[in-house]
């Protein structure tokens, strides 16, 4: 399974929780430059997953608002 496929299967809550963990590890420091870069890259991926979920939710809300009321 590719990283992209794994990311696509994450729920918003899963991606947000993992992103929070990545941020905590980066803020704690004590990691090598290589590990810090890998964490940063993972954080960027997770932020993208969260953003796609939020964009999708916004689109659904906008679509629901545009429907004529019955």
Protein backbone atom coordinates (compact mmCIF):
# COMPACT_ATOMS: atom_id res chain seq x y z
CA UNK A 1 0.00 0.00 0.00
CA UNK A 2 1.42 3.39 -0.96
CA UNK A 3 1.66 6.35 1.40
CA UNK A 4 -0.96 8.17 -0.69
CA UNK A 5 -3.38 5.26 -0.37
CA UNK A 6 -2.82 5.09 3.39
CA UNK A 7 -3.41 8.84 3.66
CA UNK A 8 -6.64 8.59 1.68
CA UNK A 9 -7.95 6.00 4.12
CA UNK A 10 -7.40 8.17 7.20
CA UNK A 11 -10.42 9.78 8.77
CA UNK A 12 -10.19 13.45 9.67
CA UNK A 13 -9.90 12.53 13.33
CA UNK A 14 -7.11 10.02 12.70
CA UNK A 15 -5.13 12.47 10.58
CA UNK A 16 -5.61 15.28 13.12
CA UNK A 17 -4.52 13.06 16.02
CA UNK A 18 -1.40 11.90 14.19
CA UNK A 19 -0.63 15.48 13.16
CA UNK A 20 -0.89 16.59 16.81
CA UNK A 21 1.54 13.81 17.74
CA UNK A 22 3.98 14.92 15.04
CA UNK A 23 3.81 18.52 16.26
CA UNK A 24 4.43 17.42 19.86
CA UNK A 25 7.49 15.44 18.81
CA UNK A 26 8.87 18.36 16.81
CA UNK A 27 8.25 20.80 19.65
CA UNK A 28 9.91 18.48 22.16
CA UNK A 29 13.11 18.54 20.15
CA UNK A 30 15.89 16.05 20.68
CA UNK A 31 15.51 14.49 17.24
CA UNK A 32 18.13 14.35 14.54
CA UNK A 33 17.89 16.66 11.55
CA UNK A 34 16.91 13.71 9.36
CA UNK A 35 14.15 12.62 11.74
CA UNK A 36 12.92 16.20 12.11
CA UNK A 37 12.68 16.54 8.33
CA UNK A 38 10.79 13.25 8.07
CA UNK A 39 8.39 14.38 10.80
CA UNK A 40 7.90 17.73 9.05
CA UNK A 41 7.13 15.98 5.75
CA UNK A 42 4.66 13.66 7.48
CA UNK A 43 3.04 16.65 9.13
CA UNK A 44 2.63 18.32 5.75
CA UNK A 45 0.96 15.19 4.38
CA UNK A 46 -1.38 14.96 7.35
CA UNK A 47 -2.24 18.65 7.13
CA UNK A 48 -3.19 18.04 3.49
CA UNK A 49 -5.44 15.14 4.48
CA UNK A 50 -7.17 17.32 7.08
CA UNK A 51 -7.57 20.16 4.59
CA UNK A 52 -9.17 17.86 2.01
CA UNK A 53 -11.66 16.64 4.64
CA UNK A 54 -12.48 20.22 5.62
CA UNK A 55 -12.82 21.32 1.99
CA UNK A 56 -15.17 18.40 1.35
CA UNK A 57 -17.27 19.28 4.39
CA UNK A 58 -17.45 22.91 3.27
CA UNK A 59 -18.56 21.84 -0.22
CA UNK A 60 -21.31 19.64 1.26
CA UNK A 61 -22.51 22.48 3.50
CA UNK A 62 -22.51 24.92 0.59
CA UNK A 63 -24.43 22.45 -1.58
CA UNK A 64 -26.99 21.86 1.17
CA UNK A 65 -27.50 25.60 1.59
CA UNK A 66 -28.15 26.04 -2.13
CA UNK A 67 -30.88 23.43 -2.26
CA UNK A 68 -34.36 24.88 -2.33
CA UNK A 69 -36.23 24.30 0.89
CA UNK A 70 -39.15 21.92 0.60
